[in-house]
Amino acid sequence: MDSASRIRRLKFRAWHRGTREADYMIGGFFDRYHESWDDAALDWFEGLLEEDDVDVMAWALGTQPVPDAFAGQHMALMQRLDYVEMP
C-alpha cells in the first residue's frame, strides 16, 4: 500500500471508532501528530487501532497502566490530551 493510501486508511479508522469520545481522542491525536510520523510510528499507531477503545482511552487518561508495546514517546504525547477539540 502506498503512503498516501495508508494515511487515508489510518485517518478513517482513527475517526470511526464507534463512540464520539474515542473518535475525538484517537482521531484528534492522529490529526495533530501524524504528519511527523515515520514508518515505525505509523506501525505503532496501526497496532494501537487494533486495541479496544476503552483500553486506549484508559491508557491516554492514565487510569490503566500502558502495556510495554505502546509505552514511549507517542503514548506520552497522547497522554497530554492537548489535541482533543470538542465542538
C-alpha atoms as a PDB file:
ATOM      1  CA  MET A   1       0.000   0.000   0.000  1.00  0.00           C
ATOM      2  CA  ASP A   2       1.398   3.406  -0.896  1.00  0.00           C
ATOM      3  CA  SER A   3       1.975   6.034   1.797  1.00  0.00           C
ATOM      4  CA  ALA A   4      -0.981   8.274   0.879  1.00  0.00           C
ATOM      5  CA  SER A   5      -3.395   5.331   0.920  1.00  0.00           C
ATOM      6  CA  ARG A   6      -2.036   4.172   4.256  1.00  0.00           C
ATOM      7  CA  ILE A   7      -2.539   7.636   5.770  1.00  0.00           C
ATOM      8  CA  ARG A   8      -6.114   7.869   4.438  1.00  0.00           C
ATOM      9  CA  ARG A   9      -6.898   4.417   5.824  1.00  0.00           C
ATOM     10  CA  LEU A  10      -5.455   5.272   9.238  1.00  0.00           C
ATOM     11  CA  LYS A  11      -7.336   8.573   9.360  1.00  0.00           C
ATOM     12  CA  PHE A  12     -10.611   6.825   8.580  1.00  0.00           C
ATOM     13  CA  ARG A  13     -10.003   4.172  11.235  1.00  0.00           C
ATOM     14  CA  ALA A  14      -8.951   6.804  13.776  1.00  0.00           C
ATOM     15  CA  TRP A  15     -12.135   8.836  13.278  1.00  0.00           C
ATOM     16  CA  HIS A  16     -14.606   5.918  13.053  1.00  0.00           C
ATOM     17  CA  ARG A  17     -14.137   4.128  16.358  1.00  0.00           C
ATOM     18  CA  GLY A  18     -17.745   3.682  17.399  1.00  0.00           C
ATOM     19  CA  THR A  19     -18.086   6.328  20.083  1.00  0.00           C
ATOM     20  CA  ARG A  20     -17.790  10.072  19.788  1.00  0.00           C
ATOM     21  CA  GLU A  21     -15.364  10.231  22.717  1.00  0.00           C
ATOM     22  CA  ALA A  22     -12.987   7.725  21.128  1.00  0.00           C
ATOM     23  CA  ASP A  23     -13.279   9.470  17.775  1.00  0.00           C
ATOM     24  CA  TYR A  24     -12.240  12.794  19.311  1.00  0.00           C
ATOM     25  CA  MET A  25      -9.406  11.292  21.299  1.00  0.00           C
ATOM     26  CA  ILE A  26      -7.916   8.903  18.743  1.00  0.00           C
ATOM     27  CA  GLY A  27      -8.839  10.878  15.638  1.00  0.00           C
ATOM     28  CA  GLY A  28      -7.689  14.143  17.182  1.00  0.00           C
ATOM     29  CA  PHE A  29      -4.386  12.568  18.163  1.00  0.00           C
ATOM     30  CA  PHE A  30      -3.892  11.297  14.621  1.00  0.00           C
ATOM     31  CA  ASP A  31      -4.730  14.660  13.058  1.00  0.00           C
ATOM     32  CA  ARG A  32      -2.381  16.543  15.370  1.00  0.00           C
ATOM     33  CA  TYR A  33       0.687  14.320  15.091  1.00  0.00           C
ATOM     34  CA  HIS A  34       0.641  12.022  12.046  1.00  0.00           C
ATOM     35  CA  GLU A  35       2.494  14.384   9.719  1.00  0.00           C
ATOM     36  CA  SER A  36       5.672  13.971  11.764  1.00  0.00           C
ATOM     37  CA  TRP A  37       5.475  10.173  11.982  1.00  0.00           C
ATOM     38  CA  ASP A  38       7.855   7.814  10.257  1.00  0.00           C
ATOM     39  CA  ASP A  39       7.004   4.231   9.268  1.00  0.00           C
ATOM     40  CA  ALA A  40       7.746   2.926  12.769  1.00  0.00           C
ATOM     41  CA  ALA A  41       5.330   5.437  14.297  1.00  0.00           C
ATOM     42  CA  LEU A  42       2.674   4.548  11.731  1.00  0.00           C
ATOM     43  CA  ASP A  43       3.187   0.884  12.635  1.00  0.00           C
ATOM     44  CA  TRP A  44       2.751   1.799  16.309  1.00  0.00           C
ATOM     45  CA  PHE A  45      -0.487   3.645  15.552  1.00  0.00           C
ATOM     46  CA  GLU A  46      -1.819   0.768  13.438  1.00  0.00           C
ATOM     47  CA  GLY A  47      -1.214  -1.536  16.381  1.00  0.00           C
ATOM     48  CA  LEU A  48      -2.958   0.889  18.699  1.00  0.00           C
ATOM     49  CA  LEU A  49      -6.007   0.903  16.422  1.00  0.00           C
ATOM     50  CA  GLU A  50      -6.307  -2.857  16.911  1.00  0.00           C
ATOM     51  CA  GLU A  51      -6.818  -2.381  20.648  1.00  0.00           C
ATOM     52  CA  ASP A  52     -10.168  -1.797  22.338  1.00  0.00           C
ATOM     53  CA  ASP A  53     -11.115   1.869  22.577  1.00  0.00           C
ATOM     54  CA  VAL A  54     -11.808   1.617  26.288  1.00  0.00           C
ATOM     55  CA  ASP A  55      -8.232   0.431  26.845  1.00  0.00           C
ATOM     56  CA  VAL A  56      -6.654   3.067  24.600  1.00  0.00           C
ATOM     57  CA  MET A  57      -8.638   5.787  26.320  1.00  0.00           C
ATOM     58  CA  ALA A  58      -7.702   4.473  29.776  1.00  0.00           C
ATOM     59  CA  TRP A  59      -4.013   4.487  28.807  1.00  0.00           C
ATOM     60  CA  ALA A  60      -4.298   8.036  27.487  1.00  0.00           C
ATOM     61  CA  LEU A  61      -6.105   9.186  30.626  1.00  0.00           C
ATOM     62  CA  GLY A  62      -3.660   7.360  32.892  1.00  0.00           C
ATOM     63  CA  THR A  63      -6.307   5.225  34.589  1.00  0.00           C
ATOM     64  CA  GLN A  64      -4.678   1.956  33.469  1.00  0.00           C
ATOM     65  CA  PRO A  65      -1.007   1.122  33.015  1.00  0.00           C
ATOM     66  CA  VAL A  66       0.228   1.309  29.422  1.00  0.00           C
ATOM     67  CA  PRO A  67       1.437  -2.027  28.018  1.00  0.00           C
ATOM     68  CA  ASP A  68       5.109  -2.079  27.033  1.00  0.00           C
ATOM     69  CA  ALA A  69       4.178  -2.386  23.351  1.00  0.00           C
ATOM     70  CA  PHE A  70       2.540   1.057  23.448  1.00  0.00           C
ATOM     71  CA  ALA A  71       4.667   2.862  26.047  1.00  0.00           C
ATOM     72  CA  GLY A  72       7.060   5.568  24.936  1.00  0.00           C
ATOM     73  CA  GLN A  73       7.110   8.956  23.275  1.00  0.00           C
ATOM     74  CA  HIS A  74       3.951   8.524  21.216  1.00  0.00           C
ATOM     75  CA  MET A  75       1.885   7.474  24.208  1.00  0.00           C
ATOM     76  CA  ALA A  76       3.370  10.359  26.195  1.00  0.00           C
ATOM     77  CA  LEU A  77       2.058  12.722  23.507  1.00  0.00           C
ATOM     78  CA  MET A  78      -1.312  11.003  23.573  1.00  0.00           C
ATOM     79  CA  GLN A  79      -1.478  11.418  27.338  1.00  0.00           C
ATOM     80  CA  ARG A  80      -1.101  15.207  27.026  1.00  0.00           C
ATOM     81  CA  LEU A  81      -4.650  15.384  25.628  1.00  0.00           C
ATOM     82  CA  ASP A  82      -3.867  18.773  24.101  1.00  0.00           C
ATOM     83  CA  TYR A  83      -5.226  17.669  20.735  1.00  0.00           C
ATOM     84  CA  VAL A  84      -8.845  16.982  21.755  1.00  0.00           C
ATOM     85  CA  GLU A  85     -11.124  19.637  20.297  1.00  0.00           C
ATOM     86  CA  MET A  86     -14.736  19.384  21.313  1.00  0.00           C
ATOM     87  CA  PRO A  87     -17.298  21.189  19.150  1.00  0.00           C
END
